[in-house]
Amino acid sequence: MHNVTNGFVIYDIVAADQVNDTIKTIHVDIYGADLTAQFQILLYVMCSLNLLAILFLINLIVFHIELKYRGLTTYEFLKMQENRSMKSKIVIEITAEMRAEME
C-alpha cells in the first residue's frame, strides 16, 4: 500500500513540476531550498525497499503454504533439513577405511 501512495506522490511531484511551481514554492518557504529532487529520490528508495519486503513476505507465505500442503510444521521441516545436512554413510565409511589403513 505504501508503494501505491509513494507512486501517487511521485506522480504529483512530476506533474506539478511540469504544470506549476507550487511545490517548489512550498519547499523554499519551509526548507529554504527546493528539495523536490531529493524528495523524489527518497521516495524511489522507499519504494524499492518496500518492494523487497513484499517479495520476502510473498516468499515466506508461499513457503508456509507449501508446508501446509505437505502436512509439516516449520519445526518438522527444519529437523528434516538438519538430518539431510549430515554426512552421508558413504563418506563415513570411506573415512573409516582410510583411518584403518593409516593404523
Protein backbone atom coordinates (compact mmCIF):
# COMPACT_ATOMS: atom_id res chain seq x y z
CA MET A 1 0.00 0.00 0.00
CA HIS A 2 2.91 2.33 0.71
CA ASN A 3 4.24 1.86 -2.82
CA VAL A 4 0.92 2.95 -4.28
CA THR A 5 0.86 6.05 -2.10
CA ASN A 6 4.50 6.82 -2.92
CA GLY A 7 3.73 6.37 -6.60
CA PHE A 8 0.94 8.93 -6.43
CA VAL A 9 3.19 11.38 -4.60
CA ILE A 10 5.98 10.89 -7.17
CA TYR A 11 3.46 11.42 -9.98
CA ASP A 12 2.12 14.52 -8.24
CA ILE A 13 5.63 15.95 -7.90
CA VAL A 14 6.43 15.30 -11.56
CA ALA A 15 3.06 16.63 -12.74
CA ALA A 16 3.32 19.70 -10.51
CA ASP A 17 6.86 20.30 -11.75
CA GLN A 18 5.59 20.41 -15.30
CA VAL A 19 2.44 22.45 -14.66
CA ASN A 20 3.33 24.96 -11.93
CA ASP A 21 5.85 25.73 -9.25
CA THR A 22 3.59 25.30 -6.20
CA ILE A 23 5.62 22.52 -4.61
CA LYS A 24 8.87 24.36 -5.24
CA THR A 25 7.49 27.48 -3.58
CA ILE A 26 6.32 25.48 -0.58
CA HIS A 27 9.75 23.83 -0.26
CA VAL A 28 11.54 27.16 -0.46
CA ASP A 29 9.19 28.66 2.15
CA ILE A 30 9.55 25.73 4.58
CA TYR A 31 13.08 24.41 3.99
CA GLY A 32 14.78 27.39 2.40
CA ALA A 33 15.62 25.41 -0.74
CA ASP A 34 13.94 23.38 -3.47
CA LEU A 35 14.13 19.74 -2.30
CA THR A 36 11.80 18.10 -4.82
CA ALA A 37 14.62 16.10 -6.45
CA GLN A 38 15.89 14.80 -3.11
CA PHE A 39 12.33 14.01 -2.06
CA GLN A 40 11.78 12.03 -5.27
CA ILE A 41 14.99 10.05 -4.71
CA LEU A 42 13.91 9.28 -1.16
CA LEU A 43 10.53 8.06 -2.41
CA TYR A 44 12.19 5.84 -5.05
CA VAL A 45 14.44 4.31 -2.38
CA MET A 46 11.44 3.72 -0.11
CA CYS A 47 9.53 2.09 -2.97
CA SER A 48 12.48 -0.21 -3.69
CA LEU A 49 12.82 -1.26 -0.05
CA ASN A 50 9.07 -1.80 0.24
CA LEU A 51 9.13 -3.94 -2.90
CA LEU A 52 11.93 -6.09 -1.46
CA ALA A 53 9.99 -6.50 1.77
CA ILE A 54 6.86 -7.51 -0.14
CA LEU A 55 8.82 -10.07 -2.18
CA PHE A 56 10.29 -11.54 1.01
CA LEU A 57 6.84 -11.72 2.58
CA ILE A 58 5.36 -13.41 -0.50
CA ASN A 59 8.21 -15.94 -0.46
CA LEU A 60 7.54 -16.67 3.22
CA ILE A 61 3.80 -17.08 2.62
CA VAL A 62 4.38 -19.45 -0.31
CA PHE A 63 6.83 -21.47 1.81
CA HIS A 64 4.26 -21.88 4.59
CA ILE A 65 1.52 -22.80 2.12
CA GLU A 66 3.85 -25.49 0.77
CA LEU A 67 4.47 -26.74 4.32
CA LYS A 68 0.71 -26.84 4.96
CA TYR A 69 0.24 -28.78 1.71
CA ARG A 70 2.89 -31.32 2.80
CA GLY A 71 1.37 -31.53 6.28
CA LEU A 72 4.52 -30.38 8.04
CA THR A 73 5.21 -27.82 10.71
CA THR A 74 8.13 -25.42 10.40
CA TYR A 75 9.93 -27.29 13.18
CA GLU A 76 9.50 -30.66 11.42
CA PHE A 77 10.81 -29.16 8.17
CA LEU A 78 13.88 -27.75 9.91
CA LYS A 79 14.58 -31.11 11.58
CA MET A 80 14.36 -32.83 8.18
CA GLN A 81 16.82 -30.31 6.74
CA GLU A 82 19.16 -30.87 9.68
CA ASN A 83 19.15 -34.62 9.10
CA ARG A 84 19.85 -34.13 5.38
CA SER A 85 22.86 -31.96 6.08
CA MET A 86 24.62 -34.75 7.97
CA LYS A 87 27.41 -36.55 6.14
CA SER A 88 26.31 -39.46 4.03
CA LYS A 89 27.09 -43.04 5.03
CA ILE A 90 29.46 -43.38 2.07
CA VAL A 91 31.66 -40.55 3.31
CA ILE A 92 31.68 -42.01 6.82
CA GLU A 93 32.65 -45.47 5.50
CA ILE A 94 35.43 -44.09 3.30
CA THR A 95 36.94 -42.09 6.15
CA ALA A 96 36.72 -45.14 8.43
CA GLU A 97 38.57 -47.25 5.82
CA MET A 98 41.23 -44.55 5.43
CA ARG A 99 41.79 -44.45 9.18
CA ALA A 100 42.08 -48.24 9.28
CA GLU A 101 44.69 -48.16 6.52
CA MET A 102 46.69 -45.47 8.31
CA GLU A 103 46.89 -47.53 11.51
